[in-house]
Amino acid sequence: MRKTVLFLFIVLWAAPGARAFFPFSFGKEEVKTDYSQTVWDRIMLDQSISDMRRGMGEMSMARYKDASNSFAKAIIKNAQDPLPHLLYGASLYWSGKVDDAMSEYREALRLDPRNAMGYQLLGIAWGWKGDIAQAQENFETASRLDPNKADTHMNLGSTYAAQKKFDKALDEYRRAVELAPREPLYHYQLGTLYDFMGRDDQAEEAYKKALKFFYQYEDAQLALAALYEKRENYKDALKYYKKAVKTKPGDYVARLRYAYLLMRMGEQNKAREVLEEAFSIVQFKADGLALNAVYRASGRGGETFRKQIEKFKDNLLKVPASKDVNVEVSLDFNPLSQPQPPSESDSRFAEAYASLRAPSPLTAGAEAASPMSFKRSFVLNASSVQEREAQVEELVAELERAVNIGADKYDVNMTLQGRTMDYASPSALTQNRTAPPKAVYDPRIVGNDMGLWVMGKTWVRYVDEIGMDLDEQVAQTPTPLYLSLQGLAGLLAGNASAAAQSFERARDKAPSDPLPLLGLGTASVMADDDAAAVSYYKEALAKDPGNKTAKRNIGVLEQE
């Protein structure tokens, strides 16, 4: 089986998809001042502490704009303490203002040059900017100043992994596990590194430890299943795919892999049962999750990315401005085998890129390119319509800068997600809508079991692996069920038109089979054609009157 490896730059303390967790704790005795204490000074100090505590509460509720205001007040009342600067910077970072956040971190370090947390946060910000070398340097400094922080070791290890310094990455990951032996996330991340290094026995042990400390950790269940499949231990692979699907029924990536393995084992009926649920759509709820669009594009910057970013921008603007929106971005940079001269479209990003970060080997062209990968999460706070438009424009500018990092040396892959803070009802906006849709397809509710978006782009790897295998399988044996699996892989990759082509071929080969019709209906939902979707679902129901997915999907689309 082919394998695509994507290493993530993990930001452990600011995990997306969850209420923020911050590695700060403070009491009055921890706040330092440089001035002589007077009664008025003490009053200001107490008020600063109160402002910081209020800001921390606002951060925990993802009210980052309010938190920024609280921390700014704390700075005014106690400007010589580094802590309010760090907190203010964290709130700015989560609001998408990375450069402003870095300024606050640097001010904190000016006040306290040995502040390990300042270097940790600065490293995270450099990671967003795509400068792994700068991120590594800051994490190394943070680790020297405070060698017993597990998350610093995990972040430092991730920078090594991104540069293929696997032995050094392994040392850091192991140290993180030693410092926090009951943290399932660290065991999971250690397992992914062992997995990539071909150390299957140790990867298996690490994944099992993650499950020992959190038995419903679906990411670990899925990873363990994929590992067993790679080792041709199909019995255990099926066992853990089944567990993953049971733990998270809405993980259609797990369903794709589970159904494909069942097919290969000759269990076609079970494969159909697992596969059918993956075509379910859900009702759009304006008071629930308003956006979960994922776009993928590979290339050297330019037009492809502009189109993807514009689509994402349009969808973000459809979310009511009164809602907070959590935005997640992942970027991969893989060296081109033969670097090409910049295209005209690449050069249009030059000015934005120049303002993104200081010159580095990437811009100077003096050193060979190395693979990089990172992710970023921040929040568009609830605001007025005009303020939301300004927020989105700022986001788009950041995305254009980030895409241009690779310029003419890298092949870039980008994924984008946007979610409101209400995760109760999974839904998604689709493209080219002038009004909210009745129904949406949300195939990537994966991970998040621990309130952490640690899955990152792992779903991309799992879909790509199966997608490539299915392309080969279909070329050799284009059976209707294999074609339907290929269609689902297309849906999961965000390519509704390619998916529809696979389902059309499957329908032509098996006119009485309802499964390709379910796929065509869901591809139509993704393409914003609800009328066609209803027609396909009703045709599927006519062929199988007891089909629950068809009934449910029709009900969603024909709601009043």
Protein backbone atom coordinates (compact mmCIF):
# COMPACT_ATOMS: atom_id res chain seq x y z
CA MET A 1 0.00 0.00 0.00
CA ARG A 2 1.34 3.44 -0.89
CA LYS A 3 1.90 5.79 1.97
CA THR A 4 2.04 9.58 2.13
CA VAL A 5 3.58 10.93 5.31
CA LEU A 6 2.56 14.33 6.61
CA PHE A 7 4.23 15.64 9.73
CA LEU A 8 2.42 18.27 11.71
CA PHE A 9 3.72 21.18 13.65
CA ILE A 10 1.78 20.55 16.85
CA VAL A 11 0.65 23.47 18.98
CA LEU A 12 -0.23 21.63 22.13
CA TRP A 13 -1.21 24.44 24.42
CA ALA A 14 -3.50 26.12 21.92
CA ALA A 15 -5.32 23.15 20.51
CA PRO A 16 -8.01 23.96 17.96
CA GLY A 17 -11.53 22.69 18.12
CA ALA A 18 -11.82 23.26 21.83
CA ARG A 19 -12.00 25.87 24.51
CA ALA A 20 -8.54 27.25 24.94
CA PHE A 21 -6.16 25.72 27.42
CA PHE A 22 -3.42 28.04 28.62
CA PRO A 23 -0.27 27.05 30.46
CA PHE A 24 -0.47 30.02 32.77
CA SER A 25 -1.12 30.12 36.46
CA PHE A 26 -0.58 33.08 38.71
CA GLY A 27 -1.26 34.46 42.11
CA LYS A 28 -0.48 37.74 43.72
CA GLU A 29 2.94 36.58 44.85
CA GLU A 30 3.94 35.83 41.25
CA VAL A 31 3.33 39.34 39.93
CA LYS A 32 6.54 41.37 40.08
CA THR A 33 6.99 45.13 39.97
CA ASP A 34 10.03 47.37 39.68
CA TYR A 35 8.67 50.37 41.53
CA SER A 36 8.32 51.21 45.19
CA GLN A 37 5.04 49.98 46.58
CA THR A 38 2.60 52.67 47.61
CA VAL A 39 -1.05 52.25 48.49
CA TRP A 40 -1.96 53.38 45.00
CA ASP A 41 0.58 50.99 43.49
CA ARG A 42 -0.94 48.13 45.43
CA ILE A 43 -4.43 49.05 44.28
CA MET A 44 -3.23 49.06 40.64
CA LEU A 45 -1.50 45.73 41.16
CA ASP A 46 -4.63 44.14 42.60
CA GLN A 47 -6.72 45.53 39.76
CA SER A 48 -4.22 44.19 37.22
CA ILE A 49 -4.55 40.73 38.75
CA SER A 50 -8.32 41.04 38.62
CA ASP A 51 -8.17 42.05 34.94
CA MET A 52 -5.96 39.06 34.14
CA ARG A 53 -8.27 36.65 35.92
CA ARG A 54 -11.25 38.07 34.08
CA GLY A 55 -9.35 37.76 30.81
CA MET A 56 -8.51 34.15 31.58
CA GLY A 57 -12.20 33.42 32.06
CA GLU A 58 -12.99 35.11 28.75
CA MET A 59 -10.27 33.09 27.04
CA SER A 60 -11.76 29.86 28.37
CA MET A 61 -15.04 30.86 26.72
CA ALA A 62 -13.26 31.75 23.46
CA ARG A 63 -14.15 35.43 23.84
CA TYR A 64 -10.77 36.55 22.61
CA LYS A 65 -11.67 40.13 21.78
CA ASP A 66 -12.99 40.70 25.30
CA ALA A 67 -9.94 38.91 26.72
CA SER A 68 -7.64 41.21 24.76
CA ASN A 69 -9.34 44.23 26.28
CA SER A 70 -8.99 42.79 29.79
CA PHE A 71 -5.30 41.95 29.35
CA ALA A 72 -4.61 45.37 27.82
CA LYS A 73 -6.08 46.95 30.95
CA ALA A 74 -3.88 44.71 33.08
CA ILE A 75 -0.81 45.93 31.20
CA ILE A 76 -1.73 49.56 31.76
CA LYS A 77 -1.99 48.94 35.50
CA ASN A 78 1.15 46.79 35.77
CA ALA A 79 3.29 47.40 32.70
CA GLN A 80 6.52 46.04 34.20
CA ASP A 81 5.30 42.47 34.64
CA PRO A 82 5.77 40.08 31.69
CA LEU A 83 2.70 37.96 32.45
CA PRO A 84 -0.02 40.34 31.17
CA HIS A 85 2.04 40.82 28.00
CA LEU A 86 2.13 37.05 27.46
CA LEU A 87 -1.59 36.75 28.09
CA TYR A 88 -2.38 39.70 25.85
CA GLY A 89 -0.20 38.16 23.15
CA ALA A 90 -2.00 34.83 23.46
CA SER A 91 -5.37 36.51 23.02
CA LEU A 92 -4.08 38.36 19.95
CA TYR A 93 -2.69 35.13 18.51
CA TRP A 94 -6.04 33.43 18.90
CA SER A 95 -7.66 36.40 17.18
CA GLY A 96 -5.40 35.87 14.17
CA LYS A 97 -3.11 38.85 14.87
CA VAL A 98 0.15 36.93 14.85
CA ASP A 99 2.56 39.84 14.38
CA ASP A 100 0.94 41.81 17.20
CA ALA A 101 1.11 38.73 19.41
CA MET A 102 4.83 38.35 18.70
CA SER A 103 5.40 41.97 19.69
CA GLU A 104 3.85 41.28 23.08
CA TYR A 105 5.91 38.12 23.55
CA ARG A 106 9.08 40.07 22.76
CA GLU A 107 8.11 42.77 25.23
CA ALA A 108 7.62 40.11 27.89
CA LEU A 109 11.08 38.75 27.09
CA ARG A 110 12.57 42.23 27.30
CA LEU A 111 11.15 42.49 30.81
CA ASP A 112 12.22 38.94 31.70
CA PRO A 113 14.86 37.52 29.33
CA ARG A 114 14.69 34.12 31.05
CA ASN A 115 10.94 33.67 30.67
CA ALA A 116 10.55 30.17 29.20
CA MET A 117 6.89 30.65 28.34
CA GLY A 118 7.72 33.72 26.27
CA TYR A 119 10.07 31.67 24.10
CA GLN A 120 7.52 28.85 23.89
CA LEU A 121 4.81 31.18 22.61
CA LEU A 122 7.19 32.94 20.26
CA GLY A 123 8.15 29.55 18.82
CA ILE A 124 4.50 28.73 18.22
CA ALA A 125 4.04 32.03 16.37
CA TRP A 126 7.11 31.36 14.21
CA GLY A 127 5.60 27.98 13.43
CA TRP A 128 2.52 29.67 12.01
CA LYS A 129 4.74 31.84 9.86
CA GLY A 130 6.29 28.69 8.45
CA ASP A 131 9.77 29.34 9.81
CA ILE A 132 10.57 26.01 11.42
CA ALA A 133 14.18 27.03 12.13
CA GLN A 134 13.07 30.04 14.17
CA ALA A 135 10.43 27.96 15.92
CA GLN A 136 13.03 25.33 16.78
CA GLU A 137 15.43 27.93 18.15
CA ASN A 138 12.80 29.39 20.45
CA PHE A 139 11.62 25.99 21.67
CA GLU A 140 15.22 25.01 22.37
CA THR A 141 15.68 28.14 24.46
CA ALA A 142 12.42 27.50 26.31
CA SER A 143 13.52 23.94 27.00
CA ARG A 144 16.90 25.06 28.39
CA LEU A 145 15.23 27.57 30.69
CA ASP A 146 12.52 25.15 31.85
CA PRO A 147 13.54 21.57 30.98
CA ASN A 148 10.57 19.96 32.68
CA LYS A 149 7.69 21.19 30.50
CA ALA A 150 6.31 18.31 28.47
CA ASP A 151 4.57 20.45 25.84
CA THR A 152 7.81 22.29 25.05
CA HIS A 153 9.53 18.99 24.35
CA MET A 154 6.63 17.86 22.16
CA ASN A 155 6.69 21.10 20.17
CA LEU A 156 10.47 20.97 19.81
CA GLY A 157 10.25 17.37 18.66
CA SER A 158 7.69 18.38 16.05
CA THR A 159 10.10 20.91 14.55
CA TYR A 160 12.77 18.21 14.33
CA ALA A 161 10.30 15.80 12.72
CA ALA A 162 9.32 18.43 10.14
CA GLN A 163 12.99 18.64 9.17
CA LYS A 164 13.38 14.83 9.10
CA LYS A 165 15.66 14.85 12.12
CA PHE A 166 13.84 11.82 13.44
CA ASP A 167 16.30 10.68 16.09
CA LYS A 168 16.24 14.11 17.73
CA ALA A 169 12.46 14.24 17.41
CA LEU A 170 12.22 10.86 19.07
CA ASP A 171 14.33 12.02 22.02
CA GLU A 172 12.00 14.98 22.57
CA TYR A 173 8.80 12.97 22.22
CA ARG A 174 10.10 10.39 24.69
CA ARG A 175 11.01 13.12 27.14
CA ALA A 176 7.49 14.56 26.87
CA VAL A 177 6.07 11.14 27.68
CA GLU A 178 8.42 10.78 30.66
CA LEU A 179 7.30 14.13 32.04
CA ALA A 180 3.59 13.47 31.45
CA PRO A 181 3.25 9.67 31.41
CA ARG A 182 -0.56 9.70 31.69
CA GLU A 183 -1.14 12.14 28.83
CA PRO A 184 -2.69 10.11 25.96
CA LEU A 185 -1.92 12.79 23.37
CA TYR A 186 1.82 12.40 23.89
CA HIS A 187 1.68 8.63 23.55
CA TYR A 188 -0.35 9.04 20.36
CA GLN A 189 2.14 11.50 18.88
CA LEU A 190 5.04 9.24 19.85
CA GLY A 191 3.23 6.40 18.10
CA THR A 192 2.89 8.38 14.88
CA LEU A 193 6.63 9.01 14.84
CA TYR A 194 7.46 5.35 15.50
CA ASP A 195 4.97 4.46 12.78
CA PHE A 196 6.72 6.63 10.22
CA MET A 197 10.14 5.32 11.23
CA GLY A 198 8.97 1.76 10.56
CA ARG A 199 9.23 0.79 14.21
CA ASP A 200 5.87 -0.92 14.22
CA ASP A 201 6.13 -2.73 17.55
CA GLN A 202 6.90 0.50 19.40
CA ALA A 203 4.20 2.36 17.49
CA GLU A 204 1.69 -0.29 18.51
CA GLU A 205 2.75 -0.02 22.14
CA ALA A 206 2.45 3.78 22.09
CA TYR A 207 -1.02 3.74 20.51
CA LYS A 208 -2.19 1.17 23.06
CA LYS A 209 -0.90 3.33 25.92
CA ALA A 210 -2.84 6.27 24.52
CA LEU A 211 -5.96 4.08 24.59
CA LYS A 212 -5.11 2.85 28.09
CA PHE A 213 -5.33 6.40 29.41
CA PHE A 214 -8.29 7.35 27.21
CA TYR A 215 -10.11 4.31 25.90
CA GLN A 216 -12.36 6.34 23.55
CA TYR A 217 -9.45 8.05 21.85
CA GLU A 218 -10.64 7.54 18.29
CA ASP A 219 -7.52 8.94 16.65
CA ALA A 220 -5.49 6.21 18.35
CA GLN A 221 -8.05 3.54 17.41
CA LEU A 222 -7.89 4.59 13.76
CA ALA A 223 -4.10 4.84 13.79
CA LEU A 224 -3.79 1.40 15.36
CA ALA A 225 -6.16 -0.07 12.78
CA ALA A 226 -4.14 1.46 9.93
CA LEU A 227 -0.93 0.13 11.48
CA TYR A 228 -2.32 -3.39 11.70
CA GLU A 229 -3.54 -3.13 8.12
CA LYS A 230 -0.06 -2.09 6.98
CA ARG A 231 1.36 -5.13 8.80
CA GLU A 232 -1.29 -7.34 7.15
CA ASN A 233 -2.76 -8.19 10.55
CA TYR A 234 -6.23 -7.86 9.12
CA LYS A 235 -8.06 -9.40 12.05
CA ASP A 236 -6.88 -6.72 14.48
CA ALA A 237 -7.19 -4.01 11.82
CA LEU A 238 -10.87 -4.84 11.38
CA LYS A 239 -11.30 -4.90 15.16
CA TYR A 240 -9.96 -1.37 15.62
CA TYR A 241 -11.66 0.06 12.54
CA LYS A 242 -14.90 -1.24 14.00
CA LYS A 243 -14.09 0.41 17.33
CA ALA A 244 -13.27 3.71 15.63
CA VAL A 245 -16.56 3.72 13.74
CA LYS A 246 -18.45 2.85 16.92
CA THR A 247 -16.67 5.57 18.90
CA LYS A 248 -17.25 8.18 16.23
CA PRO A 249 -20.04 7.13 13.80
CA GLY A 250 -19.58 10.37 11.90
CA ASP A 251 -15.97 9.59 11.01
CA TYR A 252 -16.48 8.75 7.37
CA VAL A 253 -12.72 8.48 6.84
CA ALA A 254 -12.70 5.50 9.21
CA ARG A 255 -15.74 4.11 7.38
CA LEU A 256 -13.94 4.36 4.04
CA ARG A 257 -10.93 2.41 5.26
CA TYR A 258 -13.05 -0.10 7.18
CA ALA A 259 -15.29 -0.80 4.20
CA TYR A 260 -12.32 -1.10 1.83
CA LEU A 261 -10.62 -3.66 4.06
CA LEU A 262 -13.87 -5.60 4.40
CA MET A 263 -14.09 -5.69 0.61
CA ARG A 264 -10.56 -7.01 0.32
CA MET A 265 -11.44 -9.70 2.87
CA GLY A 266 -14.42 -10.75 0.75
CA GLU A 267 -17.08 -9.41 3.13
CA GLN A 268 -19.05 -7.37 0.64
CA ASN A 269 -22.32 -7.24 2.57
CA LYS A 270 -20.64 -5.86 5.68
CA ALA A 271 -18.73 -3.38 3.53
CA ARG A 272 -22.00 -2.11 2.08
CA GLU A 273 -23.49 -1.65 5.55
CA VAL A 274 -20.47 0.34 6.74
CA LEU A 275 -20.32 2.37 3.53
CA GLU A 276 -23.97 3.35 3.33
CA GLU A 277 -23.88 5.51 6.48
CA ALA A 278 -21.02 7.56 4.99
CA PHE A 279 -23.45 9.16 2.52
CA SER A 280 -25.65 10.64 5.24
CA ILE A 281 -26.35 14.34 5.13
CA VAL A 282 -27.53 16.50 8.01
CA GLN A 283 -29.90 19.38 8.46
CA PHE A 284 -28.36 22.81 8.39
CA LYS A 285 -29.02 24.65 11.64
CA ALA A 286 -28.31 28.34 11.78
CA ASP A 287 -27.87 28.16 15.55
CA GLY A 288 -25.45 25.25 15.33
CA LEU A 289 -22.31 24.59 13.40
CA ALA A 290 -22.37 26.98 10.49
CA LEU A 291 -19.29 26.12 8.50
CA ASN A 292 -17.13 23.05 8.11
CA ALA A 293 -15.73 23.44 4.64
CA VAL A 294 -12.41 21.81 3.83
CA TYR A 295 -10.56 22.77 0.70
CA ARG A 296 -7.46 21.11 -0.66
CA ALA A 297 -5.21 22.44 -3.35
CA SER A 298 -1.69 21.59 -4.41
CA GLY A 299 0.58 23.77 -6.46
CA ARG A 300 3.06 26.58 -6.39
CA GLY A 301 0.78 29.33 -5.10
CA GLY A 302 -1.06 31.27 -7.76
CA GLU A 303 -4.52 30.89 -9.17
CA THR A 304 -5.51 27.57 -7.63
CA PHE A 305 -5.01 28.88 -4.13
CA ARG A 306 -6.68 32.21 -4.83
CA LYS A 307 -9.80 30.39 -5.96
CA GLN A 308 -9.80 28.17 -2.87
CA ILE A 309 -9.24 31.10 -0.55
CA GLU A 310 -11.98 33.14 -2.23
CA LYS A 311 -14.44 30.25 -1.81
CA PHE A 312 -13.51 29.98 1.84
CA LYS A 313 -13.87 33.74 2.25
CA ASP A 314 -17.35 33.70 0.68
CA ASN A 315 -18.48 30.95 3.05
CA LEU A 316 -17.08 32.69 6.11
CA LEU A 317 -19.08 35.79 5.20
CA LYS A 318 -22.26 33.69 5.18
CA VAL A 319 -21.81 32.85 8.86
CA PRO A 320 -23.78 35.32 11.02
CA ALA A 321 -21.43 37.99 12.34
CA SER A 322 -22.92 37.41 15.80
CA LYS A 323 -21.16 34.03 15.95
CA ASP A 324 -17.58 33.23 16.88
CA VAL A 325 -15.90 31.17 14.17
CA ASN A 326 -12.91 28.93 14.82
CA VAL A 327 -10.67 28.79 11.73
CA GLU A 328 -8.10 26.03 11.24
CA VAL A 329 -5.40 26.14 8.57
CA SER A 330 -2.88 23.45 7.63
CA LEU A 331 -0.07 23.86 5.12
CA ASP A 332 2.49 21.41 3.77
CA PHE A 333 5.60 22.49 1.91
CA ASN A 334 7.44 19.76 -0.02
CA PRO A 335 10.53 20.60 -2.08
CA LEU A 336 10.16 20.57 -5.83
CA SER A 337 12.55 18.17 -7.52
CA GLN A 338 13.46 20.87 -10.04
CA PRO A 339 12.68 24.39 -8.77
CA GLN A 340 10.94 26.53 -11.34
CA PRO A 341 11.22 30.29 -11.85
CA PRO A 342 8.39 32.20 -10.17
CA SER A 343 5.27 32.57 -12.27
CA GLU A 344 3.49 35.85 -12.76
CA SER A 345 0.76 34.76 -10.35
CA ASP A 346 3.36 33.87 -7.72
CA SER A 347 4.89 37.33 -7.95
CA ARG A 348 1.59 38.94 -7.05
CA PHE A 349 2.06 37.68 -3.51
CA ALA A 350 5.59 39.11 -3.23
CA GLU A 351 4.73 42.24 -1.29
CA ALA A 352 2.53 40.37 1.19
CA TYR A 353 5.17 37.70 1.57
CA ALA A 354 7.91 40.24 2.25
CA SER A 355 5.87 41.62 5.15
CA LEU A 356 5.18 38.18 6.56
CA ARG A 357 8.57 37.50 8.07
CA ALA A 358 12.25 38.38 7.97
CA PRO A 359 14.55 36.94 5.28
CA SER A 360 15.46 33.30 5.72
CA PRO A 361 16.98 30.50 3.60
CA LEU A 362 13.57 30.26 1.93
CA THR A 363 13.78 33.80 0.60
CA ALA A 364 17.52 34.10 0.20
CA GLY A 365 17.75 30.99 -1.98
CA ALA A 366 21.13 30.12 -0.53
CA GLU A 367 20.17 26.78 0.97
CA ALA A 368 18.31 23.72 -0.21
CA ALA A 369 14.65 23.55 0.66
CA SER A 370 13.41 21.14 3.31
CA PRO A 371 9.90 19.84 3.94
CA MET A 372 7.80 21.80 6.39
CA SER A 373 4.32 21.38 7.75
CA PHE A 374 2.34 23.32 10.27
CA LYS A 375 -1.16 24.16 11.36
CA ARG A 376 -2.80 27.23 12.78
CA SER A 377 -6.01 27.92 14.63
CA PHE A 378 -7.60 31.20 15.60
CA VAL A 379 -10.99 32.75 16.18
CA LEU A 380 -13.05 35.37 14.38
CA ASN A 381 -14.87 36.93 17.31
CA ALA A 382 -18.56 37.81 17.23
CA SER A 383 -18.88 41.33 15.90
CA SER A 384 -20.83 43.64 13.65
CA VAL A 385 -21.16 42.84 9.95
CA GLN A 386 -18.60 45.52 9.10
CA GLU A 387 -16.13 44.22 11.68
CA ARG A 388 -16.60 40.63 10.46
CA GLU A 389 -15.82 41.72 6.91
CA ALA A 390 -12.61 43.34 8.17
CA GLN A 391 -11.74 40.17 10.12
CA VAL A 392 -12.20 38.01 7.04
CA GLU A 393 -10.14 40.36 4.87
CA GLU A 394 -7.31 40.17 7.41
CA LEU A 395 -7.58 36.38 7.39
CA VAL A 396 -7.44 36.25 3.59
CA ALA A 397 -4.32 38.42 3.62
CA GLU A 398 -2.67 36.03 6.09
CA LEU A 399 -3.58 33.01 3.98
CA GLU A 400 -2.15 34.58 0.85
CA ARG A 401 1.09 35.31 2.69
CA ALA A 402 1.28 31.79 4.06
CA VAL A 403 0.68 30.21 0.66
CA ASN A 404 3.46 32.29 -0.83
CA ILE A 405 6.03 31.00 1.67
CA GLY A 406 6.85 28.15 -0.67
CA ALA A 407 7.24 30.45 -3.68
CA ASP A 408 9.15 28.61 -6.41
CA LYS A 409 10.89 26.04 -4.19
CA TYR A 410 7.94 24.13 -2.78
CA ASP A 411 4.86 22.21 -3.77
CA VAL A 412 2.22 23.45 -1.34
CA ASN A 413 -0.83 21.64 0.00
CA MET A 414 -3.44 23.57 1.97
CA THR A 415 -6.51 22.63 3.97
CA LEU A 416 -8.96 25.04 5.58
CA GLN A 417 -11.70 24.46 8.13
CA GLY A 418 -14.10 26.84 9.80
CA ARG A 419 -16.45 25.99 12.66
CA THR A 420 -18.66 27.92 14.98
CA MET A 421 -18.20 27.24 18.66
CA ASP A 422 -21.40 25.19 18.92
CA TYR A 423 -20.44 21.61 18.07
CA ALA A 424 -23.81 20.11 19.01
CA SER A 425 -25.19 19.85 15.49
CA PRO A 426 -22.63 19.09 12.77
CA SER A 427 -23.41 20.95 9.58
CA ALA A 428 -21.56 22.75 6.84
CA LEU A 429 -21.99 25.51 4.31
CA THR A 430 -21.38 24.45 0.76
CA GLN A 431 -20.11 26.59 -2.08
CA ASN A 432 -21.88 29.30 -4.10
CA ARG A 433 -24.83 29.74 -1.73
CA THR A 434 -26.76 33.00 -1.54
CA ALA A 435 -28.88 31.61 1.30
CA PRO A 436 -28.26 28.93 3.94
CA PRO A 437 -28.74 25.40 2.55
CA LYS A 438 -31.31 22.98 3.86
CA ALA A 439 -28.77 20.19 4.10
CA VAL A 440 -25.03 19.77 4.25
CA TYR A 441 -22.44 16.99 4.09
CA ASP A 442 -19.96 16.93 6.97
CA PRO A 443 -17.63 13.94 6.54
CA ARG A 444 -14.74 14.97 8.75
CA ILE A 445 -15.92 14.95 12.31
CA VAL A 446 -12.80 13.09 13.31
CA GLY A 447 -10.64 13.32 16.38
CA ASN A 448 -11.68 15.97 18.91
CA ASP A 449 -12.36 13.22 21.45
CA MET A 450 -10.08 14.99 23.89
CA GLY A 451 -11.03 18.48 22.82
CA LEU A 452 -7.89 18.62 20.69
CA TRP A 453 -7.50 18.85 16.94
CA VAL A 454 -4.51 16.55 17.09
CA MET A 455 -5.71 14.60 14.08
CA GLY A 456 -4.58 17.50 11.93
CA LYS A 457 -4.12 16.36 8.35
CA THR A 458 -3.97 12.69 9.24
CA TRP A 459 -7.33 12.28 7.50
CA VAL A 460 -5.65 13.49 4.31
CA ARG A 461 -3.06 10.72 4.55
CA TYR A 462 -5.66 8.06 5.27
CA VAL A 463 -7.85 9.17 2.37
CA ASP A 464 -4.91 9.55 -0.03
CA GLU A 465 -3.59 6.07 0.77
CA ILE A 466 -6.92 4.42 0.05
CA GLY A 467 -7.65 6.75 -2.86
CA MET A 468 -4.50 5.71 -4.70
CA ASP A 469 -5.11 2.03 -3.99
CA LEU A 470 -8.70 2.35 -5.19
CA ASP A 471 -7.60 4.01 -8.42
CA GLU A 472 -5.41 0.99 -9.13
CA GLN A 473 -8.11 -1.46 -8.01
CA VAL A 474 -10.77 0.18 -10.17
CA ALA A 475 -8.43 0.17 -13.16
CA GLN A 476 -8.09 -3.60 -12.77
CA THR A 477 -11.52 -4.55 -11.40
CA PRO A 478 -14.11 -1.80 -11.88
CA THR A 479 -16.88 -3.43 -9.86
CA PRO A 480 -19.79 -1.24 -8.68
CA LEU A 481 -18.76 -1.47 -5.02
CA TYR A 482 -15.15 -0.53 -5.69
CA LEU A 483 -16.37 2.39 -7.81
CA SER A 484 -18.62 3.51 -4.96
CA LEU A 485 -15.67 3.37 -2.59
CA GLN A 486 -13.69 5.44 -5.06
CA GLY A 487 -16.56 7.92 -5.15
CA LEU A 488 -16.57 8.21 -1.36
CA ALA A 489 -12.83 8.89 -1.40
CA GLY A 490 -13.58 11.71 -3.84
CA LEU A 491 -16.22 13.16 -1.53
CA LEU A 492 -13.83 13.04 1.42
CA ALA A 493 -11.16 14.80 -0.65
CA GLY A 494 -13.66 17.57 -1.41
CA ASN A 495 -13.97 16.70 -5.11
CA ALA A 496 -17.70 16.32 -5.75
CA SER A 497 -17.38 16.19 -9.55
CA ALA A 498 -14.81 13.36 -9.54
CA ALA A 499 -16.92 11.52 -6.97
CA ALA A 500 -20.02 11.87 -9.16
CA GLN A 501 -18.16 10.36 -12.11
CA SER A 502 -17.27 7.27 -10.06
CA PHE A 503 -20.87 6.90 -8.85
CA GLU A 504 -22.16 7.29 -12.41
CA ARG A 505 -19.93 4.44 -13.56
CA ALA A 506 -21.10 2.31 -10.64
CA ARG A 507 -24.75 3.01 -11.49
CA ASP A 508 -24.19 2.12 -15.14
CA LYS A 509 -22.73 -1.23 -14.10
CA ALA A 510 -25.43 -1.96 -11.48
CA PRO A 511 -28.67 -0.10 -12.34
CA SER A 512 -30.60 -1.81 -9.55
CA ASP A 513 -28.07 -1.01 -6.82
CA PRO A 514 -29.16 1.90 -4.55
CA LEU A 515 -25.65 2.59 -3.23
CA PRO A 516 -24.33 4.59 -6.24
CA LEU A 517 -27.55 6.60 -6.16
CA LEU A 518 -26.92 7.53 -2.53
CA GLY A 519 -23.45 8.66 -3.57
CA LEU A 520 -24.82 10.71 -6.46
CA GLY A 521 -27.34 12.33 -4.14
CA THR A 522 -24.66 13.34 -1.64
CA ALA A 523 -22.37 14.60 -4.40
CA SER A 524 -25.32 16.74 -5.55
CA VAL A 525 -25.71 18.18 -2.04
CA MET A 526 -22.03 19.14 -2.12
CA ALA A 527 -22.59 20.74 -5.53
CA ASP A 528 -25.56 22.77 -4.21
CA ASP A 529 -28.15 20.94 -6.31
CA ASP A 530 -30.76 19.87 -3.75
CA ALA A 531 -33.37 19.04 -6.38
CA ALA A 532 -31.07 16.53 -8.06
CA ALA A 533 -30.13 15.12 -4.65
CA VAL A 534 -33.78 14.47 -3.74
CA SER A 535 -34.31 12.78 -7.10
CA TYR A 536 -31.34 10.46 -6.58
CA TYR A 537 -32.34 9.60 -3.01
CA LYS A 538 -35.91 8.84 -4.07
CA GLU A 539 -34.63 6.63 -6.88
CA ALA A 540 -32.49 4.78 -4.34
CA LEU A 541 -35.51 4.37 -2.06
CA ALA A 542 -37.58 3.00 -4.92
CA LYS A 543 -34.96 0.30 -5.44
CA ASP A 544 -34.65 -0.38 -1.70
CA PRO A 545 -37.81 0.73 0.18
CA GLY A 546 -36.18 0.00 3.55
CA ASN A 547 -33.07 2.11 2.95
CA LYS A 548 -32.67 4.22 6.10
CA THR A 549 -30.05 6.57 4.68
CA ALA A 550 -32.20 7.46 1.69
CA LYS A 551 -35.26 8.04 3.91
CA ARG A 552 -33.30 10.19 6.35
CA ASN A 553 -31.66 12.25 3.60
CA ILE A 554 -34.99 12.88 1.84
CA GLY A 555 -36.46 14.01 5.15
CA VAL A 556 -33.63 16.45 5.66
CA LEU A 557 -34.00 17.95 2.18
CA GLU A 558 -37.79 18.16 2.26
CA GLN A 559 -38.01 19.78 5.66
CA GLU A 560 -40.21 22.83 5.89
